[in-house]
Amino acid sequence: MIHTLEQQAPLWPPGTAHRYHPFTYDEIANKLGIEFYVGLPSNQQHRVSSHVLDLNVQMTLDELILIPFHFFNEHRAHRAEMPAVNGIANARSIARLYASLIGDTNDRKYKRLIEKKFMDQATKSNTPQHELDYHELATPFGMGFMLYDKFLTSLAPGTFGHYGSGGSIGFAAPSKNLSFAYVMNEFNAESTGVTDPRIETILEKVAKIINDSD
């Protein structure tokens, strides 16, 4: 993998654009009291719910990615250890993972995963102002996190997280002491997480409750 990356020629002039990709990021592991698998044990396979998507969407995705999309519903894909692309978890665990980045969790049983000074660095934008990504969208990134202040203004400042393929999302809003996650079965190829109509109403209600209690 390292050699392949070293030999890969840039797809555009360096410094002129950026693009998200899911396959070669690193891994963090710690005891957080959550169910989050990278390499699913065979005795947990029966609990995994498959992605469901429209046939036309599946055909489009199969053309866009290097492997057929149904691969991600297969047992072998679930058992593989690809930290940036096939983590398997439920919404509660994803939310708790983000909670661990902004404070202690579970009545302080589990200590904060990363110190605040390091999270401040990790959630500082590394994307040049007004630079668009490969799809001509404004997607500001920190160190591995998407920065959501412009998208989740009611929960800003400092909101960070990441959406998953098809519509899932997890994020933390430190200024509100809030973490949030949403997972789904029905795959929405056009979803960018925070703009998915399935969760927009949920986020509006959550923001109202949080802001009314301030």
N, C-alpha and C. Protein backbone atom coordinates (compact mmCIF):
# COMPACT_ATOMS: atom_id res chain seq x y z
N MET A 1 0.83 -1.20 0.00
CA MET A 1 0.00 0.00 0.00
C MET A 1 0.87 1.26 0.00
N ILE A 2 1.91 1.27 0.85
CA ILE A 2 2.78 2.44 0.92
C ILE A 2 3.45 2.70 -0.42
N HIS A 3 3.98 1.62 -1.05
CA HIS A 3 4.64 1.78 -2.34
C HIS A 3 3.67 2.29 -3.40
N THR A 4 2.46 1.76 -3.39
CA THR A 4 1.45 2.20 -4.36
C THR A 4 1.16 3.68 -4.22
N LEU A 5 1.03 4.14 -2.98
CA LEU A 5 0.78 5.56 -2.75
C LEU A 5 1.97 6.41 -3.18
N GLU A 6 3.18 5.91 -2.92
CA GLU A 6 4.38 6.65 -3.30
C GLU A 6 4.47 6.83 -4.82
N GLN A 7 3.99 5.84 -5.57
CA GLN A 7 4.10 5.88 -7.02
C GLN A 7 2.93 6.58 -7.70
N GLN A 8 1.89 6.90 -6.94
CA GLN A 8 0.71 7.52 -7.53
C GLN A 8 0.98 8.96 -7.92
N ALA A 9 0.76 9.27 -9.20
CA ALA A 9 0.92 10.65 -9.66
C ALA A 9 -0.27 11.49 -9.22
N PRO A 10 -0.08 12.76 -8.89
CA PRO A 10 -1.21 13.63 -8.50
C PRO A 10 -2.27 13.69 -9.60
N LEU A 11 -3.53 13.74 -9.19
CA LEU A 11 -4.63 13.83 -10.15
C LEU A 11 -4.88 15.26 -10.58
N TRP A 12 -4.31 16.22 -9.85
CA TRP A 12 -4.39 17.64 -10.22
C TRP A 12 -3.16 18.33 -9.64
N PRO A 13 -2.82 19.52 -10.09
CA PRO A 13 -1.63 20.20 -9.57
C PRO A 13 -1.70 20.37 -8.05
N PRO A 14 -0.70 19.93 -7.32
CA PRO A 14 -0.71 20.06 -5.86
C PRO A 14 -0.93 21.50 -5.42
N GLY A 15 -1.79 21.66 -4.41
CA GLY A 15 -2.06 22.98 -3.87
C GLY A 15 -3.19 23.72 -4.54
N THR A 16 -3.83 23.09 -5.55
CA THR A 16 -4.91 23.78 -6.27
C THR A 16 -6.29 23.30 -5.87
N ALA A 17 -6.39 22.14 -5.23
CA ALA A 17 -7.70 21.60 -4.84
C ALA A 17 -7.48 20.50 -3.82
N HIS A 18 -8.56 19.99 -3.26
CA HIS A 18 -8.47 18.86 -2.34
C HIS A 18 -9.66 17.94 -2.57
N ARG A 19 -9.54 16.74 -2.06
CA ARG A 19 -10.64 15.79 -2.23
C ARG A 19 -10.62 14.79 -1.09
N TYR A 20 -11.81 14.44 -0.63
CA TYR A 20 -11.93 13.41 0.41
C TYR A 20 -11.76 12.03 -0.20
N HIS A 21 -11.06 11.15 0.50
CA HIS A 21 -11.03 9.75 0.11
C HIS A 21 -11.05 8.90 1.38
N PRO A 22 -11.64 7.70 1.33
CA PRO A 22 -11.90 6.98 2.57
C PRO A 22 -10.98 5.82 2.89
N PHE A 23 -9.97 5.52 2.07
CA PHE A 23 -9.37 4.21 2.18
C PHE A 23 -8.02 4.13 2.89
N THR A 24 -7.33 5.22 3.12
CA THR A 24 -5.96 5.10 3.62
C THR A 24 -5.69 5.90 4.88
N TYR A 25 -6.71 6.18 5.66
CA TYR A 25 -6.47 6.92 6.90
C TYR A 25 -6.07 5.95 8.01
N ASP A 26 -5.61 6.50 9.12
CA ASP A 26 -5.04 5.72 10.20
C ASP A 26 -6.12 5.22 11.17
N GLU A 27 -5.70 4.57 12.25
CA GLU A 27 -6.61 3.95 13.21
C GLU A 27 -6.31 4.41 14.63
N ILE A 28 -7.36 4.62 15.41
CA ILE A 28 -7.24 4.89 16.84
C ILE A 28 -8.02 3.82 17.58
N ALA A 29 -7.45 3.26 18.61
CA ALA A 29 -8.15 2.25 19.39
C ALA A 29 -7.97 2.55 20.87
N ASN A 30 -9.05 2.43 21.63
CA ASN A 30 -8.97 2.65 23.07
C ASN A 30 -10.23 2.07 23.69
N LYS A 31 -10.19 1.86 24.97
CA LYS A 31 -11.36 1.34 25.67
C LYS A 31 -12.30 2.49 26.01
N LEU A 32 -13.43 2.52 25.33
CA LEU A 32 -14.40 3.59 25.56
C LEU A 32 -15.76 3.05 25.98
N GLY A 33 -15.86 1.75 26.14
CA GLY A 33 -17.15 1.18 26.50
C GLY A 33 -18.16 1.27 25.37
N ILE A 34 -17.68 1.17 24.13
CA ILE A 34 -18.58 1.27 22.98
C ILE A 34 -18.46 0.03 22.11
N GLU A 35 -19.46 -0.16 21.26
CA GLU A 35 -19.43 -1.23 20.27
C GLU A 35 -19.02 -0.62 18.93
N PHE A 36 -17.77 -0.75 18.60
CA PHE A 36 -17.26 -0.22 17.33
C PHE A 36 -16.21 -1.21 16.84
N TYR A 37 -16.49 -1.83 15.72
CA TYR A 37 -15.62 -2.89 15.22
C TYR A 37 -14.90 -2.47 13.95
N VAL A 38 -13.60 -2.71 13.90
CA VAL A 38 -12.83 -2.66 12.66
C VAL A 38 -12.27 -4.06 12.49
N GLY A 39 -12.97 -4.86 11.73
CA GLY A 39 -12.74 -6.29 11.68
C GLY A 39 -13.78 -6.96 12.56
N LEU A 40 -14.96 -7.19 12.01
CA LEU A 40 -16.10 -7.68 12.79
C LEU A 40 -15.91 -9.14 13.17
N PRO A 41 -16.03 -9.50 14.46
CA PRO A 41 -15.99 -10.91 14.85
C PRO A 41 -17.14 -11.68 14.21
N SER A 42 -16.89 -12.92 13.84
CA SER A 42 -17.92 -13.71 13.16
C SER A 42 -19.16 -13.89 14.01
N ASN A 43 -19.01 -13.89 15.34
CA ASN A 43 -20.18 -14.08 16.20
C ASN A 43 -21.05 -12.84 16.33
N GLN A 44 -20.64 -11.74 15.68
CA GLN A 44 -21.45 -10.52 15.67
C GLN A 44 -22.08 -10.24 14.31
N GLN A 45 -21.79 -11.08 13.33
CA GLN A 45 -22.26 -10.83 11.97
C GLN A 45 -23.79 -10.77 11.89
N HIS A 46 -24.47 -11.59 12.68
CA HIS A 46 -25.93 -11.64 12.61
C HIS A 46 -26.58 -10.33 13.04
N ARG A 47 -25.84 -9.46 13.68
CA ARG A 47 -26.39 -8.19 14.16
C ARG A 47 -26.25 -7.07 13.13
N VAL A 48 -25.51 -7.30 12.06
CA VAL A 48 -25.25 -6.25 11.08
C VAL A 48 -26.41 -6.13 10.11
N SER A 49 -26.88 -4.92 9.94
CA SER A 49 -27.98 -4.64 9.02
C SER A 49 -27.40 -4.13 7.70
N SER A 50 -27.85 -4.71 6.60
CA SER A 50 -27.29 -4.41 5.29
C SER A 50 -27.75 -3.06 4.75
N HIS A 51 -26.92 -2.48 3.89
CA HIS A 51 -27.33 -1.30 3.13
C HIS A 51 -28.39 -1.71 2.10
N VAL A 52 -29.34 -0.84 1.90
CA VAL A 52 -30.37 -1.04 0.88
C VAL A 52 -30.32 0.17 -0.05
N LEU A 53 -30.30 -0.07 -1.35
CA LEU A 53 -30.28 1.06 -2.27
C LEU A 53 -30.99 0.71 -3.57
N ASP A 54 -31.47 1.76 -4.21
CA ASP A 54 -32.16 1.65 -5.48
C ASP A 54 -31.22 1.05 -6.54
N LEU A 55 -31.78 0.24 -7.43
CA LEU A 55 -30.96 -0.43 -8.44
C LEU A 55 -30.21 0.57 -9.31
N ASN A 56 -30.87 1.66 -9.70
CA ASN A 56 -30.20 2.66 -10.53
C ASN A 56 -29.03 3.31 -9.78
N VAL A 57 -29.24 3.55 -8.48
CA VAL A 57 -28.16 4.11 -7.66
C VAL A 57 -27.00 3.13 -7.58
N GLN A 58 -27.32 1.85 -7.39
CA GLN A 58 -26.27 0.85 -7.29
C GLN A 58 -25.46 0.77 -8.58
N MET A 59 -26.14 0.81 -9.72
CA MET A 59 -25.43 0.75 -11.00
C MET A 59 -24.50 1.96 -11.16
N THR A 60 -24.98 3.13 -10.72
CA THR A 60 -24.15 4.33 -10.80
C THR A 60 -22.92 4.22 -9.91
N LEU A 61 -23.13 3.75 -8.67
CA LEU A 61 -22.01 3.61 -7.74
C LEU A 61 -21.01 2.58 -8.24
N ASP A 62 -21.51 1.49 -8.82
CA ASP A 62 -20.60 0.46 -9.34
C ASP A 62 -19.70 1.01 -10.43
N GLU A 63 -20.18 2.02 -11.15
CA GLU A 63 -19.37 2.65 -12.19
C GLU A 63 -18.34 3.61 -11.59
N LEU A 64 -18.66 4.18 -10.43
CA LEU A 64 -17.82 5.22 -9.85
C LEU A 64 -16.70 4.68 -8.97
N ILE A 65 -16.92 3.53 -8.34
CA ILE A 65 -15.91 2.98 -7.44
C ILE A 65 -15.28 1.74 -8.05
N LEU A 66 -14.16 1.31 -7.48
CA LEU A 66 -13.36 0.26 -8.09
C LEU A 66 -13.94 -1.13 -7.86
N ILE A 67 -14.83 -1.28 -6.90
CA ILE A 67 -15.41 -2.59 -6.61
C ILE A 67 -16.93 -2.45 -6.55
N PRO A 68 -17.66 -3.53 -6.87
CA PRO A 68 -19.13 -3.46 -6.81
C PRO A 68 -19.59 -3.08 -5.40
N PHE A 69 -20.64 -2.27 -5.33
CA PHE A 69 -21.06 -1.76 -4.03
C PHE A 69 -21.52 -2.87 -3.10
N HIS A 70 -22.08 -3.96 -3.65
CA HIS A 70 -22.58 -5.03 -2.78
C HIS A 70 -21.46 -5.65 -1.94
N PHE A 71 -20.21 -5.39 -2.32
CA PHE A 71 -19.08 -5.88 -1.53
C PHE A 71 -19.19 -5.44 -0.08
N PHE A 72 -19.70 -4.22 0.15
CA PHE A 72 -19.75 -3.68 1.51
C PHE A 72 -20.84 -4.33 2.36
N ASN A 73 -21.69 -5.16 1.74
CA ASN A 73 -22.67 -5.93 2.49
C ASN A 73 -22.21 -7.37 2.74
N GLU A 74 -21.04 -7.72 2.26
CA GLU A 74 -20.56 -9.09 2.36
C GLU A 74 -19.79 -9.32 3.67
N HIS A 75 -19.86 -10.56 4.15
CA HIS A 75 -19.18 -10.92 5.40
C HIS A 75 -17.68 -10.64 5.32
N ARG A 76 -17.07 -10.93 4.17
CA ARG A 76 -15.62 -10.75 4.05
C ARG A 76 -15.22 -9.28 4.19
N ALA A 77 -16.09 -8.39 3.72
CA ALA A 77 -15.81 -6.96 3.88
C ALA A 77 -15.93 -6.55 5.34
N HIS A 78 -16.88 -7.13 6.05
CA HIS A 78 -17.07 -6.81 7.46
C HIS A 78 -15.91 -7.34 8.31
N ARG A 79 -15.35 -8.47 7.91
CA ARG A 79 -14.25 -9.06 8.68
C ARG A 79 -12.91 -8.37 8.43
N ALA A 80 -12.79 -7.71 7.28
CA ALA A 80 -11.52 -7.06 6.94
C ALA A 80 -11.23 -5.90 7.89
N GLU A 81 -9.97 -5.54 8.00
CA GLU A 81 -9.56 -4.43 8.86
C GLU A 81 -9.13 -3.26 8.00
N MET A 82 -10.09 -2.41 7.66
CA MET A 82 -9.84 -1.20 6.87
C MET A 82 -10.39 -0.02 7.66
N PRO A 83 -9.62 0.53 8.58
CA PRO A 83 -10.15 1.48 9.57
C PRO A 83 -10.90 2.66 9.01
N ALA A 84 -10.53 3.13 7.83
CA ALA A 84 -11.15 4.35 7.31
C ALA A 84 -12.41 4.10 6.50
N VAL A 85 -12.76 2.82 6.27
CA VAL A 85 -13.88 2.59 5.35
C VAL A 85 -14.89 1.57 5.86
N ASN A 86 -14.53 0.66 6.76
CA ASN A 86 -15.51 -0.37 7.12
C ASN A 86 -15.70 -0.52 8.63
N GLY A 87 -15.59 0.58 9.36
CA GLY A 87 -15.96 0.52 10.77
C GLY A 87 -17.44 0.20 10.90
N ILE A 88 -17.79 -0.66 11.84
CA ILE A 88 -19.18 -1.06 12.04
C ILE A 88 -19.57 -0.73 13.48
N ALA A 89 -20.63 0.04 13.62
CA ALA A 89 -21.06 0.49 14.94
C ALA A 89 -22.52 0.87 14.90
N ASN A 90 -23.07 1.19 16.07
CA ASN A 90 -24.42 1.74 16.14
C ASN A 90 -24.32 3.23 16.46
N ALA A 91 -25.44 3.91 16.36
CA ALA A 91 -25.44 5.37 16.53
C ALA A 91 -24.98 5.77 17.93
N ARG A 92 -25.40 5.04 18.94
CA ARG A 92 -25.01 5.38 20.32
C ARG A 92 -23.49 5.32 20.48
N SER A 93 -22.87 4.31 19.90
CA SER A 93 -21.42 4.16 20.04
C SER A 93 -20.67 5.24 19.28
N ILE A 94 -21.16 5.61 18.10
CA ILE A 94 -20.51 6.68 17.34
C ILE A 94 -20.62 8.00 18.10
N ALA A 95 -21.80 8.26 18.65
CA ALA A 95 -21.98 9.49 19.43
C ALA A 95 -21.06 9.49 20.65
N ARG A 96 -20.92 8.35 21.30
CA ARG A 96 -20.04 8.29 22.47
C ARG A 96 -18.57 8.44 22.07
N LEU A 97 -18.21 7.93 20.90
CA LEU A 97 -16.85 8.13 20.42
C LEU A 97 -16.55 9.61 20.27
N TYR A 98 -17.49 10.36 19.66
CA TYR A 98 -17.29 11.80 19.53
C TYR A 98 -17.34 12.50 20.88
N ALA A 99 -18.17 12.00 21.78
CA ALA A 99 -18.22 12.58 23.12
C ALA A 99 -16.87 12.44 23.82
N SER A 100 -16.17 11.32 23.56
CA SER A 100 -14.88 11.09 24.20
C SER A 100 -13.80 12.05 23.71
N LEU A 101 -14.07 12.74 22.61
CA LEU A 101 -13.11 13.70 22.08
C LEU A 101 -13.26 15.09 22.71
N ILE A 102 -14.36 15.29 23.43
CA ILE A 102 -14.58 16.61 24.04
C ILE A 102 -14.72 16.54 25.56
N GLY A 103 -14.64 15.33 26.13
CA GLY A 103 -14.74 15.21 27.58
C GLY A 103 -14.78 13.78 28.05
N ASP A 104 -14.81 13.57 29.36
CA ASP A 104 -14.96 12.24 29.92
C ASP A 104 -16.38 11.73 29.63
N THR A 105 -16.54 10.41 29.61
CA THR A 105 -17.85 9.83 29.31
C THR A 105 -18.26 8.82 30.36
N ASN A 106 -19.54 8.46 30.30
CA ASN A 106 -20.09 7.43 31.19
C ASN A 106 -19.82 7.75 32.65
N ASP A 107 -20.28 8.96 33.05
CA ASP A 107 -20.08 9.42 34.43
C ASP A 107 -18.61 9.40 34.84
N ARG A 108 -17.77 9.81 33.89
CA ARG A 108 -16.32 9.93 34.08
C ARG A 108 -15.61 8.59 34.23
N LYS A 109 -16.30 7.50 33.92
CA LYS A 109 -15.65 6.19 33.97
C LYS A 109 -14.56 6.10 32.91
N TYR A 110 -14.85 6.68 31.74
CA TYR A 110 -13.88 6.67 30.65
C TYR A 110 -13.34 8.08 30.45
N LYS A 111 -12.04 8.21 30.51
CA LYS A 111 -11.41 9.51 30.41
C LYS A 111 -11.37 10.00 28.96
N ARG A 112 -11.28 11.30 28.84
CA ARG A 112 -11.21 11.92 27.52
C ARG A 112 -10.11 11.27 26.68
N LEU A 113 -10.44 10.97 25.42
CA LEU A 113 -9.52 10.24 24.57
C LEU A 113 -8.32 11.07 24.15
N ILE A 114 -8.54 12.34 23.80
CA ILE A 114 -7.47 13.22 23.32
C ILE A 114 -7.57 14.55 24.06
N GLU A 115 -6.44 15.05 24.54
CA GLU A 115 -6.44 16.31 25.29
C GLU A 115 -6.97 17.46 24.44
N LYS A 116 -7.55 18.45 25.12
CA LYS A 116 -8.16 19.58 24.43
C LYS A 116 -7.16 20.30 23.52
N LYS A 117 -5.94 20.49 23.99
CA LYS A 117 -4.97 21.25 23.19
C LYS A 117 -4.69 20.56 21.85
N PHE A 118 -4.74 19.22 21.86
CA PHE A 118 -4.52 18.50 20.61
C PHE A 118 -5.77 18.51 19.73
N MET A 119 -6.95 18.45 20.36
CA MET A 119 -8.18 18.54 19.59
C MET A 119 -8.33 19.91 18.97
N ASP A 120 -7.88 20.94 19.67
CA ASP A 120 -7.92 22.29 19.10
C ASP A 120 -7.10 22.35 17.81
N GLN A 121 -5.97 21.65 17.80
CA GLN A 121 -5.14 21.61 16.59
C GLN A 121 -5.81 20.77 15.51
N ALA A 122 -6.39 19.64 15.92
CA ALA A 122 -7.00 18.72 14.95
C ALA A 122 -8.24 19.30 14.29
N THR A 123 -8.90 20.24 14.97
CA THR A 123 -10.14 20.80 14.42
C THR A 123 -9.94 22.22 13.89
N LYS A 124 -8.70 22.58 13.67
CA LYS A 124 -8.39 23.85 13.02
C LYS A 124 -8.31 23.62 11.52
N SER A 125 -8.93 24.47 10.73
CA SER A 125 -9.01 24.24 9.29
C SER A 125 -7.63 24.21 8.64
N ASN A 126 -7.41 23.18 7.85
CA ASN A 126 -6.22 23.08 7.01
C ASN A 126 -6.54 23.38 5.55
N THR A 127 -7.79 23.76 5.28
CA THR A 127 -8.24 24.02 3.92
C THR A 127 -8.14 25.51 3.62
N PRO A 128 -7.43 25.90 2.58
CA PRO A 128 -7.36 27.32 2.24
C PRO A 128 -8.75 27.92 2.07
N GLN A 129 -8.94 29.13 2.55
CA GLN A 129 -10.24 29.78 2.48
C GLN A 129 -10.72 29.87 1.03
N HIS A 130 -11.98 29.52 0.85
CA HIS A 130 -12.66 29.56 -0.45
C HIS A 130 -12.20 28.48 -1.42
N GLU A 131 -11.28 27.59 -1.00
CA GLU A 131 -10.89 26.51 -1.90
C GLU A 131 -12.01 25.48 -1.99
N LEU A 132 -12.32 25.06 -3.20
CA LEU A 132 -13.34 24.05 -3.42
C LEU A 132 -12.68 22.69 -3.57
N ASP A 133 -13.43 21.64 -3.22
CA ASP A 133 -12.89 20.30 -3.41
C ASP A 133 -13.08 19.86 -4.86
N TYR A 134 -12.76 18.61 -5.12
CA TYR A 134 -12.80 18.09 -6.49
C TYR A 134 -14.19 18.18 -7.10
N HIS A 135 -15.22 18.15 -6.25
CA HIS A 135 -16.60 18.23 -6.73
C HIS A 135 -17.12 19.66 -6.72
N GLU A 136 -16.21 20.61 -6.54
CA GLU A 136 -16.54 22.04 -6.52
C GLU A 136 -17.49 22.38 -5.37
N LEU A 137 -17.24 21.77 -4.23
CA LEU A 137 -17.98 22.04 -3.00
C LEU A 137 -17.02 22.59 -1.96
N ALA A 138 -17.53 23.42 -1.08
CA ALA A 138 -16.72 23.94 0.02
C ALA A 138 -16.76 22.93 1.16
N THR A 139 -15.67 22.23 1.38
CA THR A 139 -15.61 21.20 2.42
C THR A 139 -14.38 21.41 3.28
N PRO A 140 -14.44 22.31 4.25
CA PRO A 140 -13.27 22.56 5.10
C PRO A 140 -12.93 21.36 5.97
N PHE A 141 -11.65 21.02 6.01
CA PHE A 141 -11.16 19.90 6.80
C PHE A 141 -10.14 20.37 7.81
N GLY A 142 -10.16 19.71 8.98
CA GLY A 142 -9.07 19.79 9.92
C GLY A 142 -8.18 18.58 9.69
N MET A 143 -7.65 18.00 10.76
CA MET A 143 -6.83 16.80 10.65
C MET A 143 -7.71 15.57 10.79
N GLY A 144 -8.35 15.20 9.70
CA GLY A 144 -9.21 14.02 9.71
C GLY A 144 -10.66 14.30 9.98
N PHE A 145 -11.00 15.50 10.38
CA PHE A 145 -12.38 15.87 10.68
C PHE A 145 -12.90 16.90 9.69
N MET A 146 -14.16 16.79 9.35
CA MET A 146 -14.83 17.86 8.63
C MET A 146 -15.26 18.91 9.64
N LEU A 147 -15.21 20.16 9.25
CA LEU A 147 -15.57 21.27 10.13
C LEU A 147 -16.93 21.80 9.72
N TYR A 148 -17.87 21.80 10.67
CA TYR A 148 -19.28 22.00 10.35
C TYR A 148 -19.86 23.35 10.77
N ASP A 149 -19.04 24.29 11.16
CA ASP A 149 -19.58 25.57 11.64
C ASP A 149 -20.47 26.25 10.60
N LYS A 150 -20.12 26.16 9.33
CA LYS A 150 -20.91 26.82 8.28
C LYS A 150 -22.19 26.06 7.96
N PHE A 151 -22.23 24.78 8.33
CA PHE A 151 -23.38 23.94 8.03
C PHE A 151 -24.31 23.78 9.22
N LEU A 152 -23.74 23.77 10.41
CA LEU A 152 -24.52 23.61 11.65
C LEU A 152 -24.36 24.87 12.49
N THR A 153 -24.80 25.98 11.95
CA THR A 153 -24.57 27.28 12.59
C THR A 153 -25.22 27.37 13.96
N SER A 154 -26.32 26.67 14.16
CA SER A 154 -27.01 26.73 15.45
C SER A 154 -26.27 25.99 16.54
N LEU A 155 -25.27 25.17 16.15
CA LEU A 155 -24.48 24.43 17.13
C LEU A 155 -23.02 24.89 17.17
N ALA A 156 -22.70 25.89 16.38
CA ALA A 156 -21.33 26.42 16.34
C ALA A 156 -21.07 27.27 17.59
N PRO A 157 -19.81 27.62 17.86
CA PRO A 157 -18.62 27.35 17.06
C PRO A 157 -17.93 26.05 17.45
N GLY A 158 -17.04 25.60 16.56
CA GLY A 158 -16.18 24.46 16.87
C GLY A 158 -16.75 23.11 16.55
N THR A 159 -17.88 23.04 15.86
CA THR A 159 -18.50 21.75 15.57
C THR A 159 -17.67 20.98 14.53
N PHE A 160 -17.39 19.72 14.84
CA PHE A 160 -16.57 18.90 13.93
C PHE A 160 -17.10 17.48 13.90
N GLY A 161 -16.80 16.76 12.83
CA GLY A 161 -17.23 15.38 12.72
C GLY A 161 -16.93 14.84 11.34
N HIS A 162 -17.79 13.94 10.90
CA HIS A 162 -17.64 13.41 9.54
C HIS A 162 -18.91 12.66 9.18
N TYR A 163 -19.29 12.78 7.91
CA TYR A 163 -20.42 11.99 7.45
C TYR A 163 -19.91 10.72 6.77
N GLY A 164 -20.77 9.71 6.73
CA GLY A 164 -20.41 8.46 6.09
C GLY A 164 -21.16 8.30 4.78
N SER A 165 -20.70 7.38 4.00
CA SER A 165 -21.30 7.12 2.70
C SER A 165 -22.77 6.74 2.86
N GLY A 166 -23.63 7.45 2.14
CA GLY A 166 -25.05 7.09 2.13
C GLY A 166 -25.94 7.89 3.04
N GLY A 167 -25.35 8.62 4.02
CA GLY A 167 -26.20 9.45 4.87
C GLY A 167 -25.91 9.39 6.35
N SER A 168 -25.07 8.48 6.80
CA SER A 168 -24.75 8.43 8.23
C SER A 168 -23.85 9.61 8.59
N ILE A 169 -23.85 9.96 9.86
CA ILE A 169 -23.02 11.09 10.31
C ILE A 169 -22.77 10.98 11.81
N GLY A 170 -21.62 11.49 12.23
CA GLY A 170 -21.33 11.66 13.64
C GLY A 170 -20.60 12.97 13.82
N PHE A 171 -20.89 13.67 14.91
CA PHE A 171 -20.18 14.93 15.15
C PHE A 171 -20.23 15.30 16.62
N ALA A 172 -19.40 16.26 16.97
CA ALA A 172 -19.40 16.83 18.32
C ALA A 172 -19.49 18.34 18.22
N ALA A 173 -20.26 18.93 19.12
CA ALA A 173 -20.38 20.38 19.22
C ALA A 173 -19.88 20.78 20.61
N PRO A 174 -18.58 21.05 20.75
CA PRO A 174 -17.99 21.31 22.07
C PRO A 174 -18.65 22.46 22.82
N SER A 175 -19.04 23.51 22.11
CA SER A 175 -19.62 24.67 22.79
C SER A 175 -20.97 24.36 23.40
N LYS A 176 -21.61 23.27 22.94
CA LYS A 176 -22.91 22.85 23.47
C LYS A 176 -22.80 21.59 24.32
N ASN A 177 -21.57 21.07 24.47
CA ASN A 177 -21.35 19.83 25.21
C ASN A 177 -22.23 18.71 24.64
N LEU A 178 -22.24 18.61 23.32
CA LEU A 178 -23.15 17.70 22.61
C LEU A 178 -22.38 16.83 21.63
N SER A 179 -22.74 15.55 21.59
CA SER A 179 -22.31 14.69 20.49
C SER A 179 -23.54 14.05 19.89
N PHE A 180 -23.46 13.71 18.61
CA PHE A 180 -24.64 13.25 17.88
C PHE A 180 -24.20 12.24 16.82
N ALA A 181 -25.06 11.25 16.57
CA ALA A 181 -24.81 10.31 15.47
C ALA A 181 -26.13 9.83 14.89
N TYR A 182 -26.09 9.55 13.61
CA TYR A 182 -27.24 9.01 12.89
C TYR A 182 -26.72 7.95 11.93
N VAL A 183 -27.35 6.78 11.94
CA VAL A 183 -27.01 5.73 10.99
C VAL A 183 -28.28 5.27 10.30
N MET A 184 -28.13 4.66 9.12
CA MET A 184 -29.30 4.31 8.34
C MET A 184 -29.01 3.06 7.50
N ASN A 185 -30.07 2.49 6.94
CA ASN A 185 -29.93 1.39 5.99
C ASN A 185 -30.07 1.85 4.55
N GLU A 186 -31.06 2.72 4.31
CA GLU A 186 -31.32 3.15 2.94
C GLU A 186 -30.23 4.12 2.49
N PHE A 187 -29.54 3.75 1.46
CA PHE A 187 -28.38 4.50 0.97
C PHE A 187 -28.83 5.67 0.10
N ASN A 188 -28.40 6.87 0.47
CA ASN A 188 -28.68 8.06 -0.32
C ASN A 188 -27.37 8.53 -0.94
N ALA A 189 -27.21 8.31 -2.25
CA ALA A 189 -25.95 8.60 -2.91
C ALA A 189 -25.62 10.08 -2.93
N GLU A 190 -26.61 10.94 -2.76
CA GLU A 190 -26.38 12.38 -2.83
C GLU A 190 -26.21 13.02 -1.45
N SER A 191 -26.27 12.22 -0.41
CA SER A 191 -26.22 12.76 0.94
C SER A 191 -24.83 13.24 1.31
N THR A 192 -24.80 14.36 2.02
CA THR A 192 -23.55 14.83 2.64
C THR A 192 -23.74 14.92 4.15
N GLY A 193 -24.59 14.06 4.69
CA GLY A 193 -24.79 14.02 6.13
C GLY A 193 -25.67 15.14 6.64
N VAL A 194 -25.11 16.31 6.88
CA VAL A 194 -25.86 17.41 7.49
C VAL A 194 -26.94 17.94 6.57
N THR A 195 -26.83 17.69 5.26
CA THR A 195 -27.85 18.18 4.33
C THR A 195 -28.85 17.10 3.95
N ASP A 196 -28.76 15.94 4.57
CA ASP A 196 -29.70 14.85 4.28
C ASP A 196 -31.06 15.20 4.87
N PRO A 197 -32.12 15.21 4.05
CA PRO A 197 -33.44 15.59 4.58
C PRO A 197 -33.94 14.69 5.68
N ARG A 198 -33.40 13.47 5.78
CA ARG A 198 -33.84 12.55 6.83
C ARG A 198 -33.41 13.00 8.21
N ILE A 199 -32.34 13.78 8.29
CA ILE A 199 -31.88 14.19 9.62
C ILE A 199 -31.96 15.69 9.84
N GLU A 200 -32.29 16.46 8.82
CA GLU A 200 -32.36 17.91 9.00
C GLU A 200 -33.35 18.29 10.09
N THR A 201 -34.53 17.65 10.07
CA THR A 201 -35.54 17.95 11.09
C THR A 201 -35.05 17.55 12.48
N ILE A 202 -34.39 16.39 12.56
CA ILE A 202 -33.86 15.94 13.85
C ILE A 202 -32.86 16.95 14.39
N LEU A 203 -31.96 17.40 13.53
CA LEU A 203 -30.94 18.35 13.97
C LEU A 203 -31.55 19.69 14.38
N GLU A 204 -32.59 20.11 13.67
CA GLU A 204 -33.28 21.35 14.04
C GLU A 204 -33.88 21.24 15.44
N LYS A 205 -34.51 20.09 15.73
CA LYS A 205 -35.13 19.89 17.04
C LYS A 205 -34.06 19.82 18.14
N VAL A 206 -32.98 19.09 17.85
CA VAL A 206 -31.90 18.98 18.83
C VAL A 206 -31.31 20.35 19.13
N ALA A 207 -31.04 21.13 18.09
CA ALA A 207 -30.47 22.47 18.28
C ALA A 207 -31.40 23.36 19.09
N LYS A 208 -32.71 23.26 18.84
CA LYS A 208 -33.67 24.09 19.57
C LYS A 208 -33.67 23.74 21.05
N ILE A 209 -33.68 22.44 21.34
CA ILE A 209 -33.68 22.00 22.74
C ILE A 209 -32.41 22.46 23.45
N ILE A 210 -31.27 22.25 22.79
CA ILE A 210 -29.98 22.63 23.38
C ILE A 210 -29.90 24.13 23.60
N ASN A 211 -30.28 24.90 22.59
CA ASN A 211 -30.17 26.36 22.69
C ASN A 211 -31.17 26.95 23.67
N ASP A 212 -32.35 26.34 23.77
CA ASP A 212 -33.35 26.82 24.73
C ASP A 212 -32.92 26.58 26.17
N SER A 213 -32.05 25.58 26.36
CA SER A 213 -31.61 25.26 27.73
C SER A 213 -30.37 26.05 28.14
N ASP A 214 -29.76 26.77 27.19
CA ASP A 214 -28.57 27.56 27.52
C ASP A 214 -28.90 28.69 28.50
